[in-house]
Amino acid sequence: MSWRAVVAALDQGERLHSHVSLYLHPLAGRPIIWHVVRSLLETQPPPDGVRVLHRHDVMLRLPSDPVVDISEEAVPRGQEGRALRAAVTPPGLTLLVDGAAPLLTPATFTRLLRGAEVGVAAVRDEQNQDTGTLAVAGEGPALASADDPRRPTGVARVTPSSSDELLRVVDRHTLGSAAVVLRDRLIRVHESQGVSFMLPETIWVDMDVRIGPDTLVYPGVVIEGITDIGSGCVIGPHSRIVESTIGKGVELRGWNYIARTSVRNQAVLEPYVRRGSD
């Protein structure tokens, strides 16, 4: 299957009441738009290319890929519809996805592409007008025939792998809801690799956190940024670890703050001990 992707990152995001673009708000340590593009790159087979359309006053931070060409196009205000139609017009199977839908998975994209082999198909939430169509796939000219390719009519509906994927970030509440879903996914990945969490619903881990097997994480722990925790560690309650390296067999006894530093193998830190710098 040969296909290409177009990401629409054109919403003004007024409901967030922020000077930061909707698509650049952090989610598990990465911008929202990063998660969307990364899921596209992890879809099998991968796309031939990914084109991101964004507002002219926004500078995006996108993942890089050694194989797939990722390009950006700044769109002037008022030209969104025309730019979208131009982006999807070339012939060939095209997937157009909303850049504010960070929970869509590669499995759902694959299902959508298969459905588009016999016509235009879409992932949409019929019950939520704020969400609408999150992703649509089909032949380029067929998508371009709609006034707004993001909202075509008469398309086949594709069910996502889970209902959580239908969440679109439109305000602070939906941003928090997306963070909870993504946190739960990351926790399950770490658990499958031999990490134990006490009260996982109280713990936060970012995308770039690595934790070795047989490590126990107590309630209230926050682990952020590019952090590497070795095997056989005990991370005590309400500790915060930021962009640090924790060696093997380390015990943090609780309420510790570790920032941008390293802790040697087998070290023991008493409660409330701080390491590193803000």
C-alpha atoms as a PDB file:
ATOM      1  CA  MET A   1       0.000   0.000   0.000  1.00  0.00           C
ATOM      2  CA  SER A   2       1.403   3.388  -1.023  1.00  0.00           C
ATOM      3  CA  TRP A   3      -0.015   6.441   0.707  1.00  0.00           C
ATOM      4  CA  ARG A   4       0.836   9.887   1.976  1.00  0.00           C
ATOM      5  CA  ALA A   5      -0.354  11.931   4.924  1.00  0.00           C
ATOM      6  CA  VAL A   6      -1.483  15.524   5.346  1.00  0.00           C
ATOM      7  CA  VAL A   7      -1.783  16.983   8.854  1.00  0.00           C
ATOM      8  CA  ALA A   8      -4.047  19.979   9.404  1.00  0.00           C
ATOM      9  CA  ALA A   9      -2.747  22.159  12.258  1.00  0.00           C
ATOM     10  CA  LEU A  10      -4.799  25.274  11.487  1.00  0.00           C
ATOM     11  CA  ASP A  11      -7.035  25.819  14.524  1.00  0.00           C
ATOM     12  CA  GLN A  12      -6.614  29.145  16.342  1.00  0.00           C
ATOM     13  CA  GLY A  13      -7.119  27.402  19.710  1.00  0.00           C
ATOM     14  CA  GLU A  14      -8.864  30.361  21.361  1.00  0.00           C
ATOM     15  CA  ARG A  15     -10.463  28.196  24.047  1.00  0.00           C
ATOM     16  CA  LEU A  16      -7.082  27.460  25.615  1.00  0.00           C
ATOM     17  CA  HIS A  17      -6.609  31.188  26.344  1.00  0.00           C
ATOM     18  CA  SER A  18      -2.870  30.865  25.778  1.00  0.00           C
ATOM     19  CA  HIS A  19      -0.141  32.638  23.833  1.00  0.00           C
ATOM     20  CA  VAL A  20       1.172  29.146  22.976  1.00  0.00           C
ATOM     21  CA  SER A  21      -0.248  27.477  19.875  1.00  0.00           C
ATOM     22  CA  LEU A  22      -2.725  24.678  20.511  1.00  0.00           C
ATOM     23  CA  TYR A  23      -0.451  22.242  18.673  1.00  0.00           C
ATOM     24  CA  LEU A  24       2.617  23.149  20.730  1.00  0.00           C
ATOM     25  CA  HIS A  25       1.093  22.541  24.144  1.00  0.00           C
ATOM     26  CA  PRO A  26       3.089  19.837  25.924  1.00  0.00           C
ATOM     27  CA  LEU A  27       1.632  16.371  26.284  1.00  0.00           C
ATOM     28  CA  ALA A  28       3.793  13.781  28.060  1.00  0.00           C
ATOM     29  CA  GLY A  29       6.853  15.893  27.386  1.00  0.00           C
ATOM     30  CA  ARG A  30       6.229  16.444  23.658  1.00  0.00           C
ATOM     31  CA  PRO A  31       4.054  18.888  21.691  1.00  0.00           C
ATOM     32  CA  ILE A  32       0.593  17.674  20.691  1.00  0.00           C
ATOM     33  CA  ILE A  33       1.515  17.784  16.992  1.00  0.00           C
ATOM     34  CA  TRP A  34       4.541  15.549  17.674  1.00  0.00           C
ATOM     35  CA  HIS A  35       2.285  12.708  18.806  1.00  0.00           C
ATOM     36  CA  VAL A  36       0.149  12.932  15.670  1.00  0.00           C
ATOM     37  CA  VAL A  37       3.108  12.826  13.285  1.00  0.00           C
ATOM     38  CA  ARG A  38       4.830  10.059  15.254  1.00  0.00           C
ATOM     39  CA  SER A  39       1.734   7.831  15.022  1.00  0.00           C
ATOM     40  CA  LEU A  40       1.670   8.378  11.261  1.00  0.00           C
ATOM     41  CA  LEU A  41       5.343   7.418  10.977  1.00  0.00           C
ATOM     42  CA  GLU A  42       4.752   4.240  13.001  1.00  0.00           C
ATOM     43  CA  THR A  43       1.850   3.123  10.778  1.00  0.00           C
ATOM     44  CA  GLN A  44       2.552   0.033   8.677  1.00  0.00           C
ATOM     45  CA  PRO A  45       3.348   0.439   5.900  1.00  0.00           C
ATOM     46  CA  PRO A  46       4.768   3.914   6.630  1.00  0.00           C
ATOM     47  CA  PRO A  47       3.686   6.866   4.489  1.00  0.00           C
ATOM     48  CA  ASP A  48       5.663   8.015   1.495  1.00  0.00           C
ATOM     49  CA  GLY A  49       5.605  11.500   2.987  1.00  0.00           C
ATOM     50  CA  VAL A  50       3.990  13.669   5.647  1.00  0.00           C
ATOM     51  CA  ARG A  51       2.957  17.258   4.905  1.00  0.00           C
ATOM     52  CA  VAL A  52       1.977  19.509   7.807  1.00  0.00           C
ATOM     53  CA  LEU A  53      -0.144  22.612   7.166  1.00  0.00           C
ATOM     54  CA  HIS A  54       0.062  25.164   9.965  1.00  0.00           C
ATOM     55  CA  ARG A  55      -0.721  28.802  10.691  1.00  0.00           C
ATOM     56  CA  HIS A  56       1.849  31.228   9.351  1.00  0.00           C
ATOM     57  CA  ASP A  57       2.661  32.569  12.834  1.00  0.00           C
ATOM     58  CA  VAL A  58       3.471  29.164  14.379  1.00  0.00           C
ATOM     59  CA  MET A  59       6.827  27.389  14.377  1.00  0.00           C
ATOM     60  CA  LEU A  60       6.269  23.664  14.846  1.00  0.00           C
ATOM     61  CA  ARG A  61       8.642  21.100  16.357  1.00  0.00           C
ATOM     62  CA  LEU A  62       8.187  17.823  14.490  1.00  0.00           C
ATOM     63  CA  PRO A  63       9.876  14.438  14.838  1.00  0.00           C
ATOM     64  CA  SER A  64      12.513  13.596  12.272  1.00  0.00           C
ATOM     65  CA  ASP A  65      12.633  10.377  10.278  1.00  0.00           C
ATOM     66  CA  PRO A  66      15.514   9.012   8.183  1.00  0.00           C
ATOM     67  CA  VAL A  67      13.176   7.482   5.591  1.00  0.00           C
ATOM     68  CA  VAL A  68       9.938   9.482   5.424  1.00  0.00           C
ATOM     69  CA  ASP A  69      10.014  13.035   4.078  1.00  0.00           C
ATOM     70  CA  ILE A  70       8.319  15.444   6.505  1.00  0.00           C
ATOM     71  CA  SER A  71       7.539  18.910   5.167  1.00  0.00           C
ATOM     72  CA  GLU A  72       5.800  21.996   6.540  1.00  0.00           C
ATOM     73  CA  GLU A  73       3.700  24.670   4.859  1.00  0.00           C
ATOM     74  CA  ALA A  74       2.694  27.946   6.507  1.00  0.00           C
ATOM     75  CA  VAL A  75      -0.864  28.920   5.559  1.00  0.00           C
ATOM     76  CA  PRO A  76      -2.026  32.580   5.638  1.00  0.00           C
ATOM     77  CA  ARG A  77      -5.181  33.315   7.586  1.00  0.00           C
ATOM     78  CA  GLY A  78      -8.301  32.859   5.473  1.00  0.00           C
ATOM     79  CA  GLN A  79      -6.611  30.469   3.046  1.00  0.00           C
ATOM     80  CA  GLU A  80      -7.077  27.282   5.080  1.00  0.00           C
ATOM     81  CA  GLY A  81      -9.658  25.617   2.831  1.00  0.00           C
ATOM     82  CA  ARG A  82      -7.775  26.382  -0.364  1.00  0.00           C
ATOM     83  CA  ALA A  83      -4.484  25.116   1.126  1.00  0.00           C
ATOM     84  CA  LEU A  84      -6.095  21.879   2.286  1.00  0.00           C
ATOM     85  CA  ARG A  85      -7.626  21.163  -1.097  1.00  0.00           C
ATOM     86  CA  ALA A  86      -4.314  21.849  -2.818  1.00  0.00           C
ATOM     87  CA  ALA A  87      -2.476  19.546  -0.394  1.00  0.00           C
ATOM     88  CA  VAL A  88      -4.785  16.566  -0.966  1.00  0.00           C
ATOM     89  CA  THR A  89      -5.492  17.059  -4.697  1.00  0.00           C
ATOM     90  CA  PRO A  90      -2.628  14.965  -6.184  1.00  0.00           C
ATOM     91  CA  PRO A  91      -3.752  11.453  -7.169  1.00  0.00           C
ATOM     92  CA  GLY A  92      -3.039   8.570  -4.840  1.00  0.00           C
ATOM     93  CA  LEU A  93      -4.209   7.355  -1.458  1.00  0.00           C
ATOM     94  CA  THR A  94      -4.137  10.246   1.005  1.00  0.00           C
ATOM     95  CA  LEU A  95      -4.793  10.368   4.740  1.00  0.00           C
ATOM     96  CA  LEU A  96      -5.796  13.757   6.163  1.00  0.00           C
ATOM     97  CA  VAL A  97      -5.604  13.920   9.954  1.00  0.00           C
ATOM     98  CA  ASP A  98      -6.419  16.600  12.523  1.00  0.00           C
ATOM     99  CA  GLY A  99      -3.267  17.821  14.264  1.00  0.00           C
ATOM    100  CA  ALA A 100      -5.185  18.193  17.542  1.00  0.00           C
ATOM    101  CA  ALA A 101      -6.019  14.469  17.784  1.00  0.00           C
ATOM    102  CA  PRO A 102      -2.907  13.105  19.549  1.00  0.00           C
ATOM    103  CA  LEU A 103      -4.452   9.809  20.688  1.00  0.00           C
ATOM    104  CA  LEU A 104      -5.072   8.274  17.258  1.00  0.00           C
ATOM    105  CA  THR A 105      -2.952   5.132  16.942  1.00  0.00           C
ATOM    106  CA  PRO A 106      -1.094   3.499  14.049  1.00  0.00           C
ATOM    107  CA  ALA A 107      -3.562   0.590  14.193  1.00  0.00           C
ATOM    108  CA  THR A 108      -6.478   2.946  13.579  1.00  0.00           C
ATOM    109  CA  PHE A 109      -4.651   4.643  10.712  1.00  0.00           C
ATOM    110  CA  THR A 110      -4.058   1.230   9.113  1.00  0.00           C
ATOM    111  CA  ARG A 111      -7.762   0.373   9.473  1.00  0.00           C
ATOM    112  CA  LEU A 112      -8.689   3.719   7.931  1.00  0.00           C
ATOM    113  CA  LEU A 113      -6.375   3.234   4.958  1.00  0.00           C
ATOM    114  CA  ARG A 114      -7.817  -0.210   4.281  1.00  0.00           C
ATOM    115  CA  GLY A 115     -11.321   1.225   4.337  1.00  0.00           C
ATOM    116  CA  ALA A 116     -10.257   3.949   1.902  1.00  0.00           C
ATOM    117  CA  GLU A 117      -9.201   1.409  -0.708  1.00  0.00           C
ATOM    118  CA  VAL A 118     -12.865   1.121  -1.752  1.00  0.00           C
ATOM    119  CA  GLY A 119     -13.900   4.740  -1.185  1.00  0.00           C
ATOM    120  CA  VAL A 120     -13.552   7.666   1.183  1.00  0.00           C
ATOM    121  CA  ALA A 121     -13.490   6.601   4.848  1.00  0.00           C
ATOM    122  CA  ALA A 122     -13.325   8.619   8.055  1.00  0.00           C
ATOM    123  CA  VAL A 123     -12.806   8.355  11.796  1.00  0.00           C
ATOM    124  CA  ARG A 124     -15.383  10.623  13.408  1.00  0.00           C
ATOM    125  CA  ASP A 125     -17.335  11.036  16.623  1.00  0.00           C
ATOM    126  CA  GLU A 126     -20.973  11.374  15.638  1.00  0.00           C
ATOM    127  CA  GLN A 127     -21.957  12.364  19.187  1.00  0.00           C
ATOM    128  CA  ASN A 128     -19.531  15.253  19.653  1.00  0.00           C
ATOM    129  CA  GLN A 129     -19.676  18.324  17.442  1.00  0.00           C
ATOM    130  CA  ASP A 130     -16.397  19.633  18.891  1.00  0.00           C
ATOM    131  CA  THR A 131     -14.615  16.531  17.671  1.00  0.00           C
ATOM    132  CA  GLY A 132     -16.226  15.983  14.274  1.00  0.00           C
ATOM    133  CA  THR A 133     -13.983  14.232  11.758  1.00  0.00           C
ATOM    134  CA  LEU A 134     -10.564  13.431  13.160  1.00  0.00           C
ATOM    135  CA  ALA A 135      -9.112  11.675  10.130  1.00  0.00           C
ATOM    136  CA  VAL A 136     -10.275  10.955   6.606  1.00  0.00           C
ATOM    137  CA  ALA A 137      -8.657   8.881   3.856  1.00  0.00           C
ATOM    138  CA  GLY A 138      -9.301   8.331   0.182  1.00  0.00           C
ATOM    139  CA  GLU A 139      -8.053   9.168  -3.281  1.00  0.00           C
ATOM    140  CA  GLY A 140      -6.733  12.721  -3.387  1.00  0.00           C
ATOM    141  CA  PRO A 141      -9.146  14.102  -6.010  1.00  0.00           C
ATOM    142  CA  ALA A 142     -12.110  12.652  -4.113  1.00  0.00           C
ATOM    143  CA  LEU A 143     -11.038  14.428  -0.919  1.00  0.00           C
ATOM    144  CA  ALA A 144     -10.373  17.668  -2.780  1.00  0.00           C
ATOM    145  CA  SER A 145     -13.904  17.696  -4.207  1.00  0.00           C
ATOM    146  CA  ALA A 146     -15.327  18.676  -0.812  1.00  0.00           C
ATOM    147  CA  ASP A 147     -15.562  22.324   0.219  1.00  0.00           C
ATOM    148  CA  ASP A 148     -13.591  21.356   3.326  1.00  0.00           C
ATOM    149  CA  PRO A 149     -11.652  18.069   2.949  1.00  0.00           C
ATOM    150  CA  ARG A 150     -11.733  17.696   6.740  1.00  0.00           C
ATOM    151  CA  ARG A 151     -15.532  17.364   6.688  1.00  0.00           C
ATOM    152  CA  PRO A 152     -16.543  15.314   3.638  1.00  0.00           C
ATOM    153  CA  THR A 153     -20.076  13.961   3.312  1.00  0.00           C
ATOM    154  CA  GLY A 154     -21.253  10.469   2.442  1.00  0.00           C
ATOM    155  CA  VAL A 155     -18.170   8.656   3.727  1.00  0.00           C
ATOM    156  CA  ALA A 156     -17.781   5.258   5.354  1.00  0.00           C
ATOM    157  CA  ARG A 157     -17.240   5.405   9.105  1.00  0.00           C
ATOM    158  CA  VAL A 158     -14.216   3.564  10.536  1.00  0.00           C
ATOM    159  CA  THR A 159     -14.242   2.628  14.223  1.00  0.00           C
ATOM    160  CA  PRO A 160     -11.007   3.432  16.090  1.00  0.00           C
ATOM    161  CA  SER A 161      -9.182   0.823  18.152  1.00  0.00           C
ATOM    162  CA  SER A 162     -10.554   2.450  21.321  1.00  0.00           C
ATOM    163  CA  SER A 163     -13.040   5.230  22.072  1.00  0.00           C
ATOM    164  CA  ASP A 164     -10.249   7.225  23.775  1.00  0.00           C
ATOM    165  CA  GLU A 165      -8.801   7.961  20.354  1.00  0.00           C
ATOM    166  CA  LEU A 166     -11.787  10.146  19.489  1.00  0.00           C
ATOM    167  CA  LEU A 167     -10.632  12.837  21.905  1.00  0.00           C
ATOM    168  CA  ARG A 168      -9.614  16.096  20.246  1.00  0.00           C
ATOM    169  CA  VAL A 169      -7.816  18.739  22.267  1.00  0.00           C
ATOM    170  CA  VAL A 170      -9.869  21.957  22.177  1.00  0.00           C
ATOM    171  CA  ASP A 171      -9.402  23.397  25.691  1.00  0.00           C
ATOM    172  CA  ARG A 172      -7.611  22.828  28.995  1.00  0.00           C
ATOM    173  CA  HIS A 173     -10.010  20.105  30.084  1.00  0.00           C
ATOM    174  CA  THR A 174      -9.563  17.983  26.964  1.00  0.00           C
ATOM    175  CA  LEU A 175      -5.799  18.543  27.194  1.00  0.00           C
ATOM    176  CA  GLY A 176      -5.872  17.096  30.711  1.00  0.00           C
ATOM    177  CA  SER A 177      -8.046  14.190  29.578  1.00  0.00           C
ATOM    178  CA  ALA A 178      -5.614  13.391  26.759  1.00  0.00           C
ATOM    179  CA  ALA A 179      -2.743  13.473  29.247  1.00  0.00           C
ATOM    180  CA  VAL A 180      -4.474  10.884  31.451  1.00  0.00           C
ATOM    181  CA  VAL A 181      -5.054   8.534  28.519  1.00  0.00           C
ATOM    182  CA  LEU A 182      -1.481   8.858  27.318  1.00  0.00           C
ATOM    183  CA  ARG A 183      -0.149   8.386  30.860  1.00  0.00           C
ATOM    184  CA  ASP A 184      -2.117   5.149  31.188  1.00  0.00           C
ATOM    185  CA  ARG A 185      -0.746   3.885  27.867  1.00  0.00           C
ATOM    186  CA  LEU A 186       2.831   4.635  28.929  1.00  0.00           C
ATOM    187  CA  ILE A 187       2.329   2.972  32.317  1.00  0.00           C
ATOM    188  CA  ARG A 188       1.100  -0.203  30.605  1.00  0.00           C
ATOM    189  CA  VAL A 189       4.163  -0.227  28.343  1.00  0.00           C
ATOM    190  CA  HIS A 190       6.499   0.039  31.340  1.00  0.00           C
ATOM    191  CA  GLU A 191       4.564  -2.654  33.195  1.00  0.00           C
ATOM    192  CA  SER A 192       4.940  -5.007  30.232  1.00  0.00           C
ATOM    193  CA  GLN A 193       8.712  -4.476  30.513  1.00  0.00           C
ATOM    194  CA  GLY A 194       8.904  -5.454  34.182  1.00  0.00           C
ATOM    195  CA  VAL A 195       8.275  -2.213  36.075  1.00  0.00           C
ATOM    196  CA  SER A 196       5.884  -2.144  39.065  1.00  0.00           C
ATOM    197  CA  PHE A 197       3.784   0.888  39.982  1.00  0.00           C
ATOM    198  CA  MET A 198       1.943   1.308  43.267  1.00  0.00           C
ATOM    199  CA  LEU A 199      -1.244   3.288  42.605  1.00  0.00           C
ATOM    200  CA  PRO A 200      -0.363   3.989  38.935  1.00  0.00           C
ATOM    201  CA  GLU A 201      -3.187   6.523  38.633  1.00  0.00           C
ATOM    202  CA  THR A 202      -1.142   8.863  40.892  1.00  0.00           C
ATOM    203  CA  ILE A 203       2.070   8.628  38.837  1.00  0.00           C
ATOM    204  CA  TRP A 204       3.232  10.686  35.857  1.00  0.00           C
ATOM    205  CA  VAL A 205       5.789   9.589  33.251  1.00  0.00           C
ATOM    206  CA  ASP A 206       6.801  11.420  30.071  1.00  0.00           C
ATOM    207  CA  MET A 207       7.287   9.882  26.628  1.00  0.00           C
ATOM    208  CA  ASP A 208      11.094   9.836  26.838  1.00  0.00           C
ATOM    209  CA  VAL A 209      11.362   8.089  30.207  1.00  0.00           C
ATOM    210  CA  ARG A 210      13.148   4.710  30.306  1.00  0.00           C
ATOM    211  CA  ILE A 211      12.840   2.454  33.368  1.00  0.00           C
ATOM    212  CA  GLY A 212      14.679  -0.834  33.916  1.00  0.00           C
ATOM    213  CA  PRO A 213      12.975  -4.069  34.993  1.00  0.00           C
ATOM    214  CA  ASP A 214      12.309  -4.890  38.649  1.00  0.00           C
ATOM    215  CA  THR A 215      12.070  -1.214  39.553  1.00  0.00           C
ATOM    216  CA  LEU A 216       9.301  -0.259  41.974  1.00  0.00           C
ATOM    217  CA  VAL A 217       7.676   3.165  41.719  1.00  0.00           C
ATOM    218  CA  TYR A 218       5.704   4.402  44.721  1.00  0.00           C
ATOM    219  CA  PRO A 219       2.621   6.688  44.587  1.00  0.00           C
ATOM    220  CA  GLY A 220       2.876  10.339  43.648  1.00  0.00           C
ATOM    221  CA  VAL A 221       6.084  10.043  41.618  1.00  0.00           C
ATOM    222  CA  VAL A 222       6.667  12.403  38.648  1.00  0.00           C
ATOM    223  CA  ILE A 223       9.299  11.481  36.031  1.00  0.00           C
ATOM    224  CA  GLU A 224       9.889  14.029  33.287  1.00  0.00           C
ATOM    225  CA  GLY A 225      11.927  14.646  30.163  1.00  0.00           C
ATOM    226  CA  ILE A 226      14.705  12.383  28.902  1.00  0.00           C
ATOM    227  CA  THR A 227      15.228  10.303  32.025  1.00  0.00           C
ATOM    228  CA  ASP A 228      16.854   6.879  32.358  1.00  0.00           C
ATOM    229  CA  ILE A 229      16.239   4.812  35.500  1.00  0.00           C
ATOM    230  CA  GLY A 230      18.180   1.583  35.934  1.00  0.00           C
ATOM    231  CA  SER A 231      16.915  -1.836  36.949  1.00  0.00           C
ATOM    232  CA  GLY A 232      16.156  -2.888  40.508  1.00  0.00           C
ATOM    233  CA  CYS A 233      15.499   0.636  41.790  1.00  0.00           C
ATOM    234  CA  VAL A 234      13.024   1.828  44.390  1.00  0.00           C
ATOM    235  CA  ILE A 235      11.580   5.268  43.679  1.00  0.00           C
ATOM    236  CA  GLY A 236      10.005   6.451  46.917  1.00  0.00           C
ATOM    237  CA  PRO A 237       6.710   8.317  47.238  1.00  0.00           C
ATOM    238  CA  HIS A 238       6.226  11.841  45.881  1.00  0.00           C
ATOM    239  CA  SER A 239       9.679  12.034  44.315  1.00  0.00           C
ATOM    240  CA  ARG A 240      10.245  14.123  41.196  1.00  0.00           C
ATOM    241  CA  ILE A 241      12.925  13.201  38.660  1.00  0.00           C
ATOM    242  CA  VAL A 242      13.667  15.601  35.775  1.00  0.00           C
ATOM    243  CA  GLU A 243      15.988  14.807  32.845  1.00  0.00           C
ATOM    244  CA  SER A 244      18.323  12.667  34.927  1.00  0.00           C
ATOM    245  CA  THR A 245      20.092   9.317  34.944  1.00  0.00           C
ATOM    246  CA  ILE A 246      19.469   6.994  37.882  1.00  0.00           C
ATOM    247  CA  GLY A 247      21.833   4.022  38.177  1.00  0.00           C
ATOM    248  CA  LYS A 248      20.988   0.411  38.948  1.00  0.00           C
ATOM    249  CA  GLY A 249      19.777  -0.549  42.396  1.00  0.00           C
ATOM    250  CA  VAL A 250      19.214   3.034  43.545  1.00  0.00           C
ATOM    251  CA  GLU A 251      16.792   3.760  46.381  1.00  0.00           C
ATOM    252  CA  LEU A 252      15.093   7.123  46.688  1.00  0.00           C
ATOM    253  CA  ARG A 253      13.363   6.967  50.049  1.00  0.00           C
ATOM    254  CA  GLY A 254      10.770   9.582  49.207  1.00  0.00           C
ATOM    255  CA  TRP A 255      10.040  13.261  48.587  1.00  0.00           C
ATOM    256  CA  ASN A 256      13.317  13.533  46.647  1.00  0.00           C
ATOM    257  CA  TYR A 257      13.954  16.077  43.892  1.00  0.00           C
ATOM    258  CA  ILE A 258      16.470  14.984  41.238  1.00  0.00           C
ATOM    259  CA  ALA A 259      17.022  17.423  38.367  1.00  0.00           C
ATOM    260  CA  ARG A 260      19.443  17.286  35.406  1.00  0.00           C
ATOM    261  CA  THR A 261      22.017  15.129  37.121  1.00  0.00           C
ATOM    262  CA  SER A 262      23.001  11.495  37.661  1.00  0.00           C
ATOM    263  CA  VAL A 263      22.829   9.193  40.669  1.00  0.00           C
ATOM    264  CA  ARG A 264      25.398   6.383  40.909  1.00  0.00           C
ATOM    265  CA  ASN A 265      24.558   2.681  41.109  1.00  0.00           C
ATOM    266  CA  GLN A 266      23.356   1.374  44.495  1.00  0.00           C
ATOM    267  CA  ALA A 267      23.073   4.878  45.977  1.00  0.00           C
ATOM    268  CA  VAL A 268      20.548   5.538  48.745  1.00  0.00           C
ATOM    269  CA  LEU A 269      19.028   8.992  49.143  1.00  0.00           C
ATOM    270  CA  GLU A 270      17.300   9.798  52.409  1.00  0.00           C
ATOM    271  CA  PRO A 271      13.886  11.504  52.352  1.00  0.00           C
ATOM    272  CA  TYR A 272      13.789  15.103  51.114  1.00  0.00           C
ATOM    273  CA  VAL A 273      17.347  14.997  49.731  1.00  0.00           C
ATOM    274  CA  ARG A 274      17.749  17.085  46.561  1.00  0.00           C
ATOM    275  CA  ARG A 275      20.258  16.475  43.772  1.00  0.00           C
ATOM    276  CA  GLY A 276      21.059  18.590  40.743  1.00  0.00           C
ATOM    277  CA  SER A 277      19.934  22.060  39.764  1.00  0.00           C
ATOM    278  CA  ASP A 278      16.755  23.762  38.653  1.00  0.00           C
END
